[in-house]
Protein backbone atom coordinates (compact mmCIF):
# COMPACT_ATOMS: atom_id res chain seq x y z
CA MET A 1 47.38 -13.43 123.54
CA SER A 2 48.93 -9.96 123.77
CA ALA A 3 52.30 -11.30 122.59
CA LYS A 4 50.67 -12.83 119.46
CA ARG A 5 48.89 -9.58 118.66
CA THR A 6 52.14 -7.60 119.06
CA SER A 7 54.09 -9.92 116.79
CA GLY A 8 51.34 -9.75 114.09
CA ALA A 9 51.26 -5.98 114.11
CA LEU A 10 55.00 -5.83 113.91
CA MET A 11 55.09 -8.14 110.93
CA THR A 12 52.46 -6.09 109.16
CA SER A 13 54.35 -2.87 109.80
CA LEU A 14 57.60 -4.36 108.55
CA LEU A 15 55.87 -5.65 105.40
CA ILE A 16 54.43 -2.23 104.61
CA HIS A 17 57.79 -0.51 105.07
CA VAL A 18 59.49 -3.02 102.80
CA VAL A 19 56.93 -2.40 100.04
CA LEU A 20 57.38 1.35 100.35
CA ILE A 21 61.14 1.03 100.18
CA LEU A 22 60.88 -1.12 97.04
CA ILE A 23 58.60 1.40 95.36
CA ALA A 24 60.96 4.25 96.23
CA GLY A 25 63.95 2.30 94.98
CA VAL A 26 62.27 1.53 91.68
CA TYR A 27 61.40 5.18 91.24
CA PHE A 28 64.92 6.40 91.85
CA VAL A 29 66.40 3.75 89.58
CA THR A 30 64.16 4.79 86.70
CA GLN A 31 65.26 8.39 87.03
CA THR A 32 68.92 7.62 86.46
CA GLU A 33 70.57 8.21 83.06
CA THR A 34 71.76 4.63 82.85
CA PHE A 35 68.23 3.29 83.02
CA LYS A 36 67.03 5.81 80.45
CA ASP A 37 69.81 4.79 78.07
CA LEU A 38 68.96 1.15 78.63
CA VAL A 39 65.29 1.55 77.90
CA GLY A 40 65.75 4.10 75.04
CA VAL A 41 62.56 5.98 75.57
CA GLN A 42 62.58 9.56 74.42
CA PHE A 43 59.81 12.01 74.66
CA ALA A 44 59.73 14.26 71.58
CA LYS A 45 58.15 17.63 71.82
CA PRO A 46 56.09 18.71 68.82
CA PRO A 47 57.36 21.86 67.05
CA GLU A 48 55.34 24.95 67.41
CA PRO A 49 53.20 25.75 64.38
CA PRO A 50 54.33 28.79 62.36
CA LYS A 51 52.44 31.94 62.84
CA PRO A 52 50.17 33.03 59.98
CA LYS A 53 51.62 35.56 57.62
CA VAL A 54 49.51 38.41 56.44
CA ARG A 55 49.88 39.16 52.75
CA LYS A 56 50.37 42.70 51.72
CA PRO A 57 47.48 44.14 49.75
CA ILE A 58 48.05 44.66 46.02
CA VAL A 59 46.92 48.04 44.85
CA ARG A 60 46.25 48.30 41.13
CA GLN A 61 46.26 51.55 39.36
CA LEU A 62 43.13 52.58 37.52
CA ASN A 63 43.50 53.40 33.86
CA LYS A 64 42.00 56.81 33.39
CA PRO A 65 40.68 57.73 29.95
CA ILE A 66 42.98 59.89 27.98
CA VAL A 67 41.45 62.58 25.82
CA PRO A 68 43.52 63.04 22.69
CA VAL A 69 44.58 66.56 22.00
CA GLU A 70 44.25 67.61 18.41
CA ASP A 71 46.44 70.27 16.99
CA THR A 72 44.54 72.48 14.67
CA VAL A 73 46.53 73.46 11.61
CA VAL A 74 45.28 76.35 9.58
CA LEU A 75 46.05 75.96 5.89
CA GLU A 76 46.25 78.76 3.52
CA GLN A 77 43.55 79.04 0.89
CA VAL A 78 44.66 77.75 -2.47
CA GLN A 79 43.15 79.27 -5.54
CA VAL A 80 41.98 76.67 -8.09
CA GLN A 81 42.23 77.72 -11.65
CA PRO A 82 39.59 76.36 -14.06
CA ARG A 83 40.74 73.90 -16.71
CA LEU A 84 40.29 75.01 -20.27
CA THR A 85 38.92 72.44 -22.77
CA THR A 86 38.83 73.07 -26.48
CA ALA A 87 35.97 71.18 -28.21
CA PHE A 88 34.96 71.07 -31.85
CA ALA A 89 31.40 72.21 -32.40
CA PRO A 90 30.06 71.78 -35.93
CA LYS A 91 28.09 74.65 -37.25
CA THR A 92 24.69 74.16 -38.87
CA THR A 93 24.13 75.72 -42.17
CA VAL A 94 20.32 76.13 -41.76
CA VAL A 95 18.95 77.71 -38.64
CA GLN A 96 15.18 77.75 -38.07
CA GLN A 97 13.74 79.95 -35.45
CA GLN A 98 11.31 78.24 -33.00
CA THR A 99 9.49 79.35 -29.97
CA VAL A 100 10.11 77.84 -26.54
CA LEU A 101 6.78 75.96 -26.54
CA GLU A 102 7.45 74.36 -29.92
CA PHE A 103 10.92 73.34 -28.88
CA SER A 104 9.73 71.74 -25.63
CA ASN A 105 7.07 69.63 -27.39
CA GLN A 106 9.61 67.94 -29.62
CA ALA A 107 10.57 64.34 -28.77
CA VAL A 108 14.11 63.71 -27.71
CA LYS A 109 15.67 60.83 -29.66
CA VAL A 110 18.20 58.84 -27.71
CA ASP A 111 19.98 55.96 -29.36
CA ALA A 112 20.58 53.79 -26.27
CA PRO A 113 20.45 49.98 -25.74
CA ILE A 114 17.10 48.59 -24.56
CA ASN A 115 17.06 46.94 -21.16
CA PRO A 116 15.01 43.73 -21.43
CA ASN A 117 14.04 43.90 -17.75
CA VAL A 118 12.21 47.18 -18.18
CA PRO A 119 8.57 46.61 -19.25
CA LYS A 120 7.57 48.08 -22.54
CA VAL A 121 5.18 51.00 -22.52
CA VAL A 122 1.94 50.15 -24.29
CA GLN A 123 0.05 52.93 -25.95
CA PRO A 124 -3.56 52.80 -24.81
CA ASN A 125 -4.97 54.07 -28.10
CA VAL A 126 -3.76 51.07 -30.11
CA PRO A 127 -6.67 48.63 -30.85
CA ILE A 128 -6.34 45.22 -29.20
CA PRO A 129 -7.17 42.18 -31.34
CA GLU A 130 -9.77 39.73 -29.99
CA VAL A 131 -9.57 35.95 -30.14
CA VAL A 132 -12.95 34.15 -29.97
CA THR A 133 -13.00 30.43 -29.18
CA HIS A 134 -16.12 28.48 -30.15
CA THR A 135 -16.60 25.26 -28.20
CA GLU A 136 -19.24 22.56 -28.40
CA LEU A 137 -19.26 19.95 -25.65
CA PRO A 138 -20.22 16.64 -27.31
CA VAL A 139 -21.91 13.71 -25.58
CA SER A 140 -19.29 11.20 -24.49
CA ASP A 141 -19.75 7.58 -25.51
CA SER A 142 -18.57 6.38 -22.10
CA PRO A 143 -21.30 4.33 -20.30
CA SER A 144 -20.91 6.39 -17.14
CA ALA A 145 -20.48 9.81 -18.73
CA LEU A 146 -22.39 12.91 -17.69
CA ALA A 147 -23.86 14.38 -20.89
CA PHE A 148 -24.67 18.02 -21.48
CA ALA A 149 -26.71 17.48 -24.65
CA GLY A 150 -29.44 19.95 -23.77
CA PRO A 151 -30.08 23.56 -24.79
CA ALA A 152 -28.34 26.07 -22.56
CA PRO A 153 -28.17 29.88 -22.74
CA SER A 154 -24.82 31.47 -23.57
CA ALA A 155 -23.24 33.30 -20.68
CA PRO A 156 -20.62 36.03 -21.15
CA THR A 157 -17.28 35.71 -19.52
CA ALA A 158 -16.45 37.50 -16.30
CA GLY A 159 -14.15 40.03 -18.01
CA PRO A 160 -11.35 40.41 -20.52
CA ALA A 161 -7.96 39.03 -19.59
CA ASN A 162 -4.75 40.66 -20.76
CA ILE A 163 -2.06 38.18 -21.73
CA ILE A 164 1.49 39.41 -22.51
CA ARG A 165 3.73 36.92 -24.24
CA GLY A 166 7.43 37.78 -23.89
CA VAL A 167 8.89 41.27 -23.60
CA SER A 168 8.28 42.50 -27.05
CA GLY A 169 4.86 40.89 -27.48
CA SER A 170 1.63 42.82 -27.55
CA PRO A 171 -1.27 42.28 -25.13
CA VAL A 172 -4.05 40.01 -26.39
CA GLN A 173 -7.58 40.02 -25.03
CA VAL A 174 -9.11 36.52 -24.88
CA LYS A 175 -12.88 36.12 -24.88
CA VAL A 176 -14.50 32.68 -24.65
CA THR A 177 -18.20 32.13 -25.43
CA PHE A 178 -20.26 28.95 -25.62
CA GLN A 179 -22.51 28.93 -28.65
CA ARG A 180 -25.74 27.20 -27.65
CA PRO A 181 -29.37 27.93 -28.37
CA PRO A 182 -31.25 29.66 -25.58
CA GLY A 183 -33.41 27.63 -23.25
CA LEU A 184 -33.25 25.67 -19.99
CA ALA A 185 -30.40 23.25 -19.25
CA MET A 186 -31.50 19.60 -19.23
CA VAL A 187 -29.41 16.57 -18.31
CA GLU A 188 -30.26 13.48 -20.30
CA ASN A 189 -27.75 10.95 -18.95
CA VAL A 190 -26.80 10.72 -15.29
CA GLY A 191 -23.37 9.48 -14.38
CA VAL A 192 -19.81 10.61 -13.91
CA VAL A 193 -16.59 10.14 -15.81
CA ARG A 194 -13.56 9.48 -13.64
CA ASP A 195 -10.42 11.39 -14.25
CA ALA A 196 -6.91 10.04 -13.79
CA LEU A 197 -7.21 10.25 -9.99
CA GLY A 198 -10.82 9.19 -9.74
CA ASP A 199 -10.07 5.78 -8.26
CA VAL A 200 -8.12 7.29 -5.36
CA ALA A 201 -11.36 7.87 -3.48
CA GLU A 202 -11.97 4.12 -3.42
CA SER A 203 -8.62 3.23 -1.85
CA ILE A 204 -7.92 5.93 0.71
CA THR A 205 -9.80 7.61 3.53
CA LEU A 206 -9.58 11.37 3.84
CA GLY A 207 -9.22 12.37 7.48
CA ASN A 208 -9.23 10.29 10.62
CA VAL A 209 -12.78 9.02 10.95
CA GLU A 210 -13.47 7.90 14.50
CA VAL A 211 -16.44 5.79 15.51
CA PRO A 212 -18.32 7.43 18.41
CA PRO A 213 -18.22 5.38 21.63
CA LEU A 214 -21.20 3.55 23.03
CA PRO A 215 -23.15 4.83 26.02
CA LYS A 216 -21.60 3.79 29.31
CA GLY A 217 -22.88 0.44 30.57
CA GLU A 218 -25.09 -0.26 27.53
CA PRO A 219 -24.39 -2.99 24.97
CA GLY A 220 -24.34 -2.20 21.27
CA GLY A 221 -22.22 -2.00 18.14
CA ARG A 222 -21.19 0.46 15.41
CA VAL A 223 -19.01 -0.26 12.38
CA ILE A 224 -17.77 1.65 9.34
CA GLY A 225 -15.41 0.81 6.48
CA LYS A 226 -15.30 -1.23 3.32
CA GLY A 227 -14.96 -4.99 3.08
CA ARG A 228 -12.24 -6.31 5.35
CA ASP A 229 -11.22 -2.78 6.30
CA ILE A 230 -13.84 -2.69 9.03
CA ARG A 231 -13.53 -0.74 12.27
CA GLY A 232 -15.94 0.11 15.01
CA VAL A 233 -16.98 -0.56 18.60
CA LEU A 234 -18.70 -3.56 20.18
CA ARG A 235 -20.00 -4.37 23.65
CA PHE A 236 -21.54 -7.80 24.17
CA THR A 237 -22.34 -10.21 27.00
CA ARG A 238 -23.46 -13.74 27.77
CA ILE A 239 -26.91 -15.13 28.63
CA ARG A 240 -27.85 -16.00 32.20
CA HIS A 241 -30.36 -18.87 32.38
CA ASN A 242 -31.58 -21.65 34.67
CA LEU A 243 -31.15 -24.57 32.30
CA SER A 244 -27.59 -25.29 33.48
CA ASP A 245 -24.41 -23.58 34.71
CA TRP A 246 -24.51 -20.53 32.45
CA TRP A 247 -21.08 -19.28 33.67
CA ALA A 248 -19.14 -22.24 32.21
CA ASP A 249 -15.85 -21.37 30.45
CA ALA A 250 -15.73 -18.08 32.32
CA SER A 251 -12.53 -16.69 30.75
CA SER A 252 -13.30 -17.63 27.14
CA LEU A 253 -15.13 -14.42 26.25
CA ASN A 254 -12.46 -12.30 27.93
CA ALA A 255 -9.87 -14.03 25.73
CA LEU A 256 -12.02 -13.37 22.65
CA THR A 257 -12.25 -9.69 23.62
CA LYS A 258 -8.47 -9.48 23.86
CA TRP A 259 -8.09 -11.16 20.47
CA LEU A 260 -10.49 -8.74 18.76
CA ASN A 261 -8.70 -5.70 20.22
CA GLU A 262 -5.30 -6.98 19.07
CA LYS A 263 -6.12 -8.45 15.65
CA THR A 264 -8.90 -6.15 14.40
CA GLN A 265 -9.91 -2.49 14.53
CA ILE A 266 -13.11 -3.29 16.43
CA LYS A 267 -12.75 -1.97 19.97
CA THR A 268 -14.49 -4.62 22.06
CA ASP A 269 -15.39 -4.90 25.74
CA MET A 270 -17.94 -6.57 28.01
CA ASN A 271 -18.61 -3.67 30.37
CA VAL A 272 -22.36 -4.20 30.42
CA GLU A 273 -24.13 -2.90 33.48
CA GLY A 274 -25.26 -5.87 35.56
CA GLY A 275 -22.99 -8.39 33.82
CA ALA A 276 -24.76 -11.32 32.20
CA LEU A 277 -28.26 -10.69 30.84
CA ARG A 278 -31.44 -12.69 31.04
CA PHE A 279 -33.84 -13.06 28.15
CA THR A 280 -36.24 -10.72 29.95
CA ASP A 281 -33.70 -7.87 30.23
CA THR A 282 -34.31 -4.89 27.95
CA ASN A 283 -30.56 -4.48 27.40
CA LEU A 284 -30.64 -7.74 25.46
CA LEU A 285 -32.36 -5.89 22.61
CA LYS A 286 -29.27 -3.61 22.33
CA THR A 287 -26.55 -6.24 22.03
CA PRO A 288 -25.85 -7.47 18.46
CA ILE A 289 -24.35 -10.77 19.64
CA ALA A 290 -24.87 -12.91 22.77
CA PHE A 291 -23.28 -16.17 23.97
CA MET A 292 -25.04 -19.02 25.75
CA THR A 293 -23.47 -22.23 27.11
CA GLY A 294 -23.77 -24.87 29.84
CA HIS A 295 -22.86 -28.42 30.92
CA ASP A 296 -25.05 -31.47 31.06
CA PRO A 297 -27.77 -30.72 33.67
CA ALA A 298 -27.20 -34.13 35.30
CA LEU A 299 -23.52 -33.24 35.81
CA VAL A 300 -24.47 -29.88 37.33
CA ARG A 301 -26.87 -31.53 39.79
CA SER A 302 -24.41 -34.27 40.77
CA ARG A 303 -21.64 -31.78 41.56
CA ASN A 304 -23.99 -29.16 43.02
CA LEU A 305 -22.48 -26.44 40.83
CA LEU A 306 -25.44 -24.11 41.33
CA GLY A 307 -25.12 -24.31 45.11
CA ARG A 308 -21.39 -23.64 45.25
CA GLN A 309 -21.28 -20.69 42.85
CA TYR A 310 -23.30 -17.52 42.31
CA GLY A 311 -25.46 -17.90 45.39
CA GLY A 312 -27.15 -21.13 44.37
CA GLY A 313 -30.38 -21.25 42.44
CA LYS A 314 -32.97 -23.63 41.14
CA MET A 315 -32.53 -25.42 37.83
CA ASP A 316 -35.39 -25.68 35.40
CA SER A 317 -35.89 -27.89 32.37
CA ARG A 318 -37.52 -25.18 30.26
CA LEU A 319 -37.61 -21.43 29.73
CA THR A 320 -40.36 -19.43 31.34
CA GLN A 321 -43.04 -17.87 29.18
CA ALA A 322 -41.50 -14.41 29.66
CA GLU A 323 -38.02 -15.68 28.75
CA ALA A 324 -39.33 -17.40 25.61
CA ALA A 325 -41.12 -14.20 24.55
CA GLY A 326 -37.98 -12.13 25.15
CA LEU A 327 -35.82 -14.54 23.15
CA ARG A 328 -38.28 -14.53 20.23
CA LYS A 329 -38.42 -10.74 20.21
CA TYR A 330 -34.63 -10.57 20.24
CA LEU A 331 -34.22 -12.98 17.30
CA VAL A 332 -37.26 -12.35 15.12
CA GLU A 333 -38.11 -8.68 15.65
CA LYS A 334 -34.68 -7.14 16.38
CA GLY A 335 -32.57 -9.46 14.25
CA GLY A 336 -30.16 -10.40 17.03
CA PHE A 337 -27.53 -13.14 16.87
CA LEU A 338 -27.28 -15.93 19.47
CA ILE A 339 -24.42 -18.44 19.75
CA PHE A 340 -25.08 -21.61 21.73
CA ASP A 341 -21.99 -23.65 22.58
CA ASP A 342 -22.31 -27.11 24.13
CA CYS A 343 -19.76 -27.33 26.96
CA GLY A 344 -18.61 -30.94 27.18
CA VAL A 345 -19.48 -32.74 23.99
CA ASN A 346 -18.74 -36.15 25.55
CA ALA A 347 -21.89 -36.03 27.67
CA ALA A 348 -24.33 -38.92 27.33
CA GLN A 349 -26.48 -38.32 24.24
CA GLN A 350 -25.45 -34.63 24.39
CA ALA A 351 -28.20 -33.76 26.84
CA MET A 352 -27.55 -30.00 26.93
CA ILE A 353 -27.76 -29.53 23.17
CA ARG A 354 -30.97 -31.54 23.05
CA LEU A 355 -32.45 -29.41 25.83
CA PHE A 356 -31.59 -26.21 23.97
CA LEU A 357 -33.09 -27.45 20.68
CA ALA A 358 -36.29 -28.32 22.52
CA GLN A 359 -36.54 -24.73 23.77
CA MET A 360 -35.95 -23.37 20.26
CA ARG A 361 -38.82 -25.46 18.91
CA TYR A 362 -40.98 -23.80 21.54
CA VAL A 363 -39.69 -20.28 20.85
CA MET A 364 -39.67 -20.43 17.01
CA PRO A 365 -41.77 -23.38 15.85
CA GLU A 366 -41.90 -22.08 12.27
CA HIS A 367 -38.09 -22.27 11.86
CA GLN A 368 -36.09 -25.48 11.81
CA ILE A 369 -32.44 -26.19 12.46
CA GLU A 370 -30.36 -26.51 9.29
CA ARG A 371 -26.78 -27.13 8.31
CA VAL A 372 -24.62 -24.09 7.68
CA ASP A 373 -23.03 -24.52 4.30
CA ASN A 374 -19.26 -24.18 4.14
CA THR A 375 -19.65 -21.48 1.47
CA HIS A 376 -21.63 -19.26 3.85
CA GLU A 377 -20.54 -15.66 4.34
CA ILE A 378 -19.67 -16.42 7.94
CA TYR A 379 -16.60 -18.34 6.78
CA ASP A 380 -14.94 -15.68 4.58
CA ASN A 381 -16.12 -12.15 5.51
CA PHE A 382 -12.93 -11.29 7.45
CA TYR A 383 -10.78 -14.45 7.53
CA GLN A 384 -10.99 -16.98 4.71
CA ILE A 385 -11.56 -20.24 6.56
CA GLY A 386 -13.61 -22.43 4.23
CA GLY A 387 -15.32 -24.46 6.97
CA PRO A 388 -15.75 -24.95 10.71
CA PRO A 389 -12.46 -25.14 12.66
CA VAL A 390 -11.56 -27.87 15.14
CA GLY A 391 -12.48 -26.82 18.67
CA PHE A 392 -11.97 -28.49 22.01
CA ASP A 393 -13.77 -31.56 20.71
CA ILE A 394 -10.33 -32.97 19.93
CA PHE A 395 -9.80 -33.14 23.69
CA TRP A 396 -12.89 -35.30 24.08
CA TRP A 397 -12.52 -37.47 20.98
CA GLY A 398 -8.74 -37.64 20.80
CA THR A 399 -7.09 -37.83 17.41
CA ARG A 400 -10.21 -39.20 15.72
CA PRO A 401 -11.95 -36.82 13.29
CA PRO A 402 -15.01 -35.01 14.63
CA LYS A 403 -18.35 -36.70 14.19
CA ARG A 404 -19.92 -33.63 12.56
CA ASN A 405 -17.82 -31.75 10.01
CA PHE A 406 -20.37 -28.93 9.81
CA LEU A 407 -22.17 -26.42 11.98
CA GLU A 408 -25.90 -25.92 12.43
CA GLY A 409 -28.16 -22.98 12.98
CA PHE A 410 -31.54 -21.28 12.62
CA SER A 411 -32.06 -18.78 9.80
CA ILE A 412 -34.75 -16.10 9.58
CA GLU A 413 -35.34 -14.71 6.07
CA ASN A 414 -31.92 -15.79 4.73
CA LYS A 415 -30.20 -14.35 7.82
CA LEU A 416 -28.42 -16.65 10.21
CA SER A 417 -29.83 -15.83 13.65
CA VAL A 418 -28.80 -18.76 15.90
CA LEU A 419 -25.52 -20.66 15.59
CA VAL A 420 -25.44 -24.09 17.27
CA VAL A 421 -21.92 -25.31 18.08
CA ARG A 422 -21.26 -28.92 19.15
CA ARG A 423 -17.47 -28.53 19.20
CA ASP A 424 -16.95 -26.73 22.51
CA TYR A 425 -15.49 -23.57 20.94
CA MET A 426 -15.71 -21.60 24.18
CA CYS A 427 -13.60 -24.21 25.95
CA ALA A 428 -11.06 -23.97 23.12
CA MET A 429 -10.86 -20.21 23.63
CA GLU A 430 -10.49 -20.64 27.39
CA SER A 431 -7.60 -23.10 27.16
CA VAL A 432 -5.24 -20.23 26.33
CA SER A 433 -5.38 -19.23 30.00
CA LEU A 434 -4.95 -22.77 31.32
CA PRO A 435 -1.39 -23.91 30.52
CA THR A 436 -1.80 -27.07 32.61
CA ARG A 437 -4.06 -28.62 29.97
CA SER A 438 -2.54 -30.92 27.39
CA VAL A 439 -4.41 -29.20 24.54
CA HIS A 440 -3.55 -25.59 23.72
CA TYR A 441 -5.96 -23.00 22.38
CA SER A 442 -7.04 -23.12 18.75
CA PRO A 443 -6.23 -20.01 16.66
CA GLY A 444 -8.73 -21.22 14.09
CA VAL A 445 -11.54 -20.83 16.62
CA TYR A 446 -10.56 -17.20 17.27
CA ARG A 447 -10.53 -16.47 13.53
CA PHE A 448 -13.92 -18.08 13.10
CA MET A 449 -15.35 -16.15 16.05
CA THR A 450 -14.00 -12.96 14.49
CA ASN A 451 -16.01 -13.75 11.36
CA VAL A 452 -19.06 -14.40 13.53
CA VAL A 453 -18.67 -11.02 15.23
CA VAL A 454 -18.33 -9.23 11.89
CA TYR A 455 -21.41 -11.04 10.57
CA ALA A 456 -23.45 -10.09 13.63
CA LEU A 457 -22.36 -6.44 13.41
CA THR A 458 -23.28 -6.14 9.72
CA HIS A 459 -26.70 -7.85 9.85
CA GLY A 460 -29.90 -7.32 11.76
CA ASP A 461 -31.48 -4.19 13.16
CA ILE A 462 -29.44 -3.69 16.36
CA SER A 463 -25.97 -2.52 15.36
CA ASP A 464 -25.37 0.57 13.23
CA TYR A 465 -23.64 -0.46 10.00
CA SER A 466 -24.96 2.27 7.70
CA GLY A 467 -21.39 3.45 7.01
CA TYR A 468 -20.10 -0.02 6.08
CA VAL A 469 -19.88 -1.41 2.53
CA PRO A 470 -19.76 -5.24 2.39
CA GLU A 471 -17.20 -7.13 0.34
CA ASP A 472 -19.76 -8.60 -2.06
CA THR A 473 -21.13 -5.11 -2.82
CA LEU A 474 -17.66 -3.94 -3.83
CA ALA A 475 -17.26 -7.00 -6.06
CA LYS A 476 -20.55 -6.38 -7.86
CA ARG A 477 -19.80 -2.71 -8.56
CA GLU A 478 -19.11 -2.09 -12.25
CA LEU A 479 -15.80 -0.36 -12.78
CA PRO A 480 -14.80 1.41 -16.05
CA THR A 481 -12.73 -0.73 -18.39
CA ARG A 482 -11.06 2.13 -20.29
CA ALA A 483 -9.73 5.58 -19.59
CA PRO A 484 -12.19 8.49 -19.88
CA GLU A 485 -12.19 10.51 -23.05
CA ALA A 486 -10.95 14.08 -23.01
CA ALA A 487 -13.28 16.90 -24.01
CA LYS A 488 -13.05 17.77 -27.69
CA THR A 489 -12.41 21.51 -27.91
CA GLY A 490 -11.88 23.44 -31.14
CA ALA A 491 -10.36 26.94 -31.28
CA THR A 492 -10.60 29.44 -34.08
CA GLU A 493 -9.21 32.94 -34.29
């Protein structure tokens, strides 16, 4: 065992010495010049950077001001001799002695050219001629002339006026008097004669007339203008009722509001406090136009539309006594305007329109539903339509013509108060926001509804249209057929 241990240690020692010898040999070999030439490795030392050089300061000389030195030269005084001039002076044969005062009062005559820019001196003692003009204002034969054919006292002028004509002219005092017998002035004919610019007042508006806004949250309307140049403000809403789903075609009135703001000068919104109004709400008496709609009540019950939207509610087949009284007061006493639009004209026997007409017979039994003639004002007050446009009824009936080529309504004392629409106009206005439908919106419906809004704003006792002149009033106004005659004035000196 000891021999094995000795041999192992010896071998280990020999191995270590061999490794050390190899390392030392490699080191010495690498330090020889032959190995360095063979490998070609050179270690270059970087050059030392140059030391900074300090520039010598540049000293500039200051330019000092130089005071010039003047040499004073004294000149000798030179005597100037006066120049002698020989002039011929004619001698007068007669010499008259005068005192100094008499000589100074004589005028000096100078024959010099007259400067036209210098005003001529006027002697105040020279009498000024007077020119008297006698005028008599005759009565004009124009049908709209303002006549002054009454006795009037003569009034003197404010004062004489000096008029100088040219440079060499003399001043003239002009005095104008009206020769009339004394007495009080009386006007026999009342009217006015237009001058050359008299018709300008009918075609332009002086200043920027703004319509005052409506109270916040309250419905109402104000309009001014002439004919189709109408502008104003409008705030309207829809009717909330229990006969059916009153919120049908929810976006139609918003689309109509946008149309009115873009196409007309009537600033329109629906910012009524509380939203939709019931017939018992006092704000209903402030809105000039209100919309009412709904589906067939059987359809609403079958789909439970009242339970799924607006917190449910109970449907009723008639208006309450308070609602009927509020609707009658709105239409008869205040002159309001109500639009009822049947939503879904393909319903069986048009149940919703029949239900509404039954309520109107209860509210206004003395008024009956009538056809609205195609020559009614509602068709040509703003847009010239000539008849009822096609609504969304084309969606229900296809390409076939509508069954009723007219609209209906209730009139109170020759004023249309309720418009009954069986063509689903509100659905036609809503289709602009529903691109998935096969039928697009009808521009004719928007134009017709614009006429309806203008009619509601210019009739009744709710909106303020005192500053508006209708188109038919302008057409009936008699305009002069010839130019006005000038005043006949005679002048005598």
